[in-house]
Amino acid sequence: MNKILLIASLLLFSISYSQNGEKTINKKEEKQLFEKTEKNARNDNLEIQPFAQMELGEMYYEGKGTEKNFKKAFYWFKKSAENGVVGANARVAYMYYDGEGTLKSYKDAFYYIQRGLGFELDAKSLFYIGRMYFYGQGTDKNKKLCAYWIKKAYETPMESEYKERAEKFWNDNELWNYE
């Protein structure tokens, strides 16, 4: 039952913002949703806790129902990643890469981006790991592996700005030479 309530709450939260970012729920409802998500993130029920931790990280990162706080966002994303939520690994990786809420660490970013590859449909993660191989960030430079991951990024079926970036990176750096 708690799992259903959490999923319903998260769904409500995710659809409570229109495509252009305009709020469709009021501040009081947003704060209540934040408090419920925070309670679920601290809950011992492992069916809902890791996903609530991920959502709480998003809320702190975006400032939804609370003030923006990258340190707290990082903390909750990392807890969620440790509890098995694949997407949380990618969020931890991006924060390590950019030094948001934590010290910048390409080595840690590379570790978490690998853990967060999941089904390899996320062009952003695929692009990041390819670029990290290209520049030797957190790993040795390896243009063959760079070409492999960048190509996967621009061939992913899901549309994203990173799919376009990957294709441009592929062409600008003539990565077909390293296949």
Protein backbone atom coordinates (compact mmCIF):
# COMPACT_ATOMS: atom_id res chain seq x y z
CA MET A 1 0.00 0.00 0.00
CA ASN A 2 2.84 2.41 0.90
CA LYS A 3 4.49 1.64 -2.44
CA ILE A 4 1.30 2.63 -4.27
CA LEU A 5 1.06 5.86 -2.25
CA LEU A 6 4.68 6.73 -3.00
CA ILE A 7 4.30 6.04 -6.71
CA ALA A 8 1.10 8.10 -6.80
CA SER A 9 2.84 10.94 -4.94
CA LEU A 10 5.84 10.86 -7.26
CA LEU A 11 3.59 10.74 -10.31
CA LEU A 12 1.60 13.69 -8.99
CA PHE A 13 4.82 15.58 -8.41
CA SER A 14 6.26 14.77 -11.81
CA ILE A 15 3.12 15.88 -13.65
CA SER A 16 2.60 18.91 -11.44
CA TYR A 17 4.86 20.96 -13.71
CA SER A 18 3.86 21.80 -17.24
CA GLN A 19 6.18 21.40 -20.22
CA ASN A 20 7.35 25.01 -19.91
CA GLY A 21 8.00 24.70 -16.17
CA GLU A 22 4.94 26.57 -14.92
CA LYS A 23 3.76 25.30 -11.57
CA THR A 24 0.34 23.72 -11.49
CA ILE A 25 0.31 23.05 -7.72
CA ASN A 26 0.63 25.66 -5.03
CA LYS A 27 3.58 26.13 -2.68
CA LYS A 28 1.73 24.53 0.25
CA GLU A 29 1.01 21.35 -1.75
CA GLU A 30 4.58 21.32 -3.02
CA LYS A 31 5.93 21.59 0.55
CA GLN A 32 3.59 18.79 1.71
CA LEU A 33 4.80 16.57 -1.11
CA PHE A 34 8.40 17.34 -0.16
CA GLU A 35 7.70 16.37 3.48
CA LYS A 36 6.02 13.12 2.43
CA THR A 37 8.90 12.26 0.10
CA GLU A 38 11.42 13.04 2.83
CA LYS A 39 9.55 10.76 5.24
CA ASN A 40 9.53 7.96 2.66
CA ALA A 41 13.24 8.47 1.94
CA ARG A 42 13.97 7.81 5.62
CA ASN A 43 11.54 4.87 5.78
CA ASP A 44 12.91 1.37 6.32
CA ASN A 45 10.69 -0.11 3.59
CA LEU A 46 13.23 -1.02 0.90
CA GLU A 47 10.51 -1.22 -1.75
CA ILE A 48 9.92 2.53 -1.61
CA GLN A 49 12.91 4.03 0.19
CA PRO A 50 15.49 4.05 -2.67
CA PHE A 51 13.05 5.66 -5.12
CA ALA A 52 11.98 8.24 -2.54
CA GLN A 53 15.67 8.99 -1.95
CA MET A 54 16.13 9.60 -5.69
CA GLU A 55 13.06 11.86 -5.79
CA LEU A 56 14.20 13.73 -2.68
CA GLY A 57 17.54 14.33 -4.38
CA GLU A 58 15.67 15.76 -7.38
CA MET A 59 13.59 18.00 -5.12
CA TYR A 60 16.70 19.40 -3.42
CA TYR A 61 18.48 19.75 -6.78
CA GLU A 62 15.58 21.61 -8.40
CA GLY A 63 14.37 23.46 -5.28
CA LYS A 64 10.88 21.91 -5.44
CA GLY A 65 9.12 22.10 -2.07
CA THR A 66 12.36 23.24 -0.45
CA GLU A 67 15.34 25.49 -1.08
CA LYS A 68 17.86 24.32 -3.68
CA ASN A 69 20.67 22.51 -1.91
CA PHE A 70 23.22 20.64 -4.02
CA LYS A 71 24.95 19.09 -0.99
CA LYS A 72 21.68 17.52 0.18
CA ALA A 73 20.78 16.55 -3.38
CA PHE A 74 24.13 14.79 -3.73
CA TYR A 75 23.65 13.02 -0.39
CA TRP A 76 20.22 11.65 -1.37
CA PHE A 77 21.24 10.70 -4.91
CA LYS A 78 24.21 8.79 -3.50
CA LYS A 79 22.05 6.97 -0.92
CA SER A 80 19.63 6.04 -3.69
CA ALA A 81 22.50 4.80 -5.88
CA GLU A 82 23.85 2.72 -2.99
CA ASN A 83 20.38 1.20 -2.65
CA GLY A 84 20.31 0.08 -6.28
CA VAL A 85 18.54 2.81 -8.28
CA VAL A 86 20.46 2.83 -11.57
CA GLY A 87 19.45 6.37 -12.55
CA ALA A 88 20.76 7.75 -9.27
CA ASN A 89 24.27 6.60 -10.22
CA ALA A 90 24.18 8.87 -13.24
CA ARG A 91 23.05 11.84 -11.13
CA VAL A 92 25.91 11.20 -8.67
CA ALA A 93 28.33 10.99 -11.61
CA TYR A 94 27.19 14.31 -13.09
CA MET A 95 27.54 16.01 -9.69
CA TYR A 96 31.07 14.63 -9.23
CA TYR A 97 31.92 15.68 -12.79
CA ASP A 98 30.70 19.25 -12.25
CA GLY A 99 31.63 19.54 -8.57
CA GLU A 100 28.04 20.26 -7.53
CA GLY A 101 27.42 19.51 -3.85
CA THR A 102 30.71 17.64 -3.61
CA LEU A 103 34.32 18.00 -4.64
CA LYS A 104 34.94 17.63 -8.36
CA SER A 105 36.30 14.16 -9.06
CA TYR A 106 36.57 12.71 -12.55
CA LYS A 107 37.62 9.37 -11.07
CA ASP A 108 34.43 9.12 -8.98
CA ALA A 109 32.36 10.49 -11.85
CA PHE A 110 33.72 7.77 -14.13
CA TYR A 111 32.99 5.07 -11.54
CA TYR A 112 29.37 6.17 -11.05
CA ILE A 113 28.70 6.81 -14.73
CA GLN A 114 29.66 3.20 -15.44
CA ARG A 115 27.30 2.00 -12.72
CA GLY A 116 24.54 4.19 -14.12
CA LEU A 117 24.59 3.04 -17.72
CA GLY A 118 21.63 0.75 -17.10
CA PHE A 119 19.92 -0.11 -20.35
CA GLU A 120 22.24 2.14 -22.37
CA LEU A 121 19.36 4.30 -23.58
CA ASP A 122 20.42 7.47 -21.78
CA ALA A 123 22.30 9.54 -24.35
CA LYS A 124 23.63 11.88 -21.65
CA SER A 125 25.37 9.05 -19.74
CA LEU A 126 26.67 7.51 -22.94
CA PHE A 127 27.98 10.90 -24.09
CA TYR A 128 29.65 11.58 -20.74
CA ILE A 129 31.49 8.26 -20.64
CA GLY A 130 32.61 8.66 -24.25
CA ARG A 131 33.88 12.16 -23.62
CA MET A 132 35.67 11.00 -20.47
CA TYR A 133 37.51 8.37 -22.50
CA PHE A 134 38.38 10.99 -25.13
CA TYR A 135 39.92 13.43 -22.63
CA GLY A 136 41.21 10.86 -20.12
CA GLN A 137 39.00 12.18 -17.32
CA GLY A 138 38.93 9.65 -14.48
CA THR A 139 40.32 6.97 -16.80
CA ASP A 140 43.04 6.52 -19.40
CA LYS A 141 42.51 8.15 -22.78
CA ASN A 142 41.07 5.60 -25.17
CA LYS A 143 39.71 6.85 -28.48
CA LYS A 144 38.45 3.40 -29.48
CA LEU A 145 36.23 3.22 -26.37
CA CYS A 146 35.35 6.88 -26.85
CA ALA A 147 34.13 6.13 -30.38
CA TYR A 148 32.14 3.13 -29.13
CA TRP A 149 30.26 5.12 -26.45
CA ILE A 150 29.78 8.31 -28.49
CA LYS A 151 28.32 6.27 -31.34
CA LYS A 152 25.94 4.54 -28.91
CA ALA A 153 24.92 7.97 -27.61
CA TYR A 154 23.93 9.34 -30.99
CA GLU A 155 22.30 6.09 -32.09
CA THR A 156 20.10 5.81 -28.99
CA PRO A 157 16.40 5.78 -29.89
CA MET A 158 15.49 8.37 -27.26
CA GLU A 159 15.61 12.00 -28.36
CA SER A 160 17.79 14.32 -26.29
CA GLU A 161 20.13 17.26 -26.67
CA TYR A 162 22.95 14.84 -25.78
CA LYS A 163 22.13 12.69 -28.77
CA GLU A 164 22.76 15.73 -30.95
CA ARG A 165 25.89 16.69 -29.00
CA ALA A 166 27.23 13.15 -29.42
CA GLU A 167 26.72 13.23 -33.18
CA LYS A 168 28.51 16.60 -33.39
CA PHE A 169 31.35 15.28 -31.16
CA TRP A 170 31.57 12.19 -33.41
CA ASN A 171 31.92 14.30 -36.54
CA ASP A 172 34.12 17.07 -35.09
CA ASN A 173 36.64 14.52 -33.79
CA GLU A 174 36.35 12.11 -36.76
CA LEU A 175 35.73 9.23 -34.38
CA TRP A 176 34.87 6.83 -37.21
CA ASN A 177 38.64 6.51 -37.55
CA TYR A 178 38.75 4.70 -34.20
CA GLU A 179 35.99 2.11 -34.70
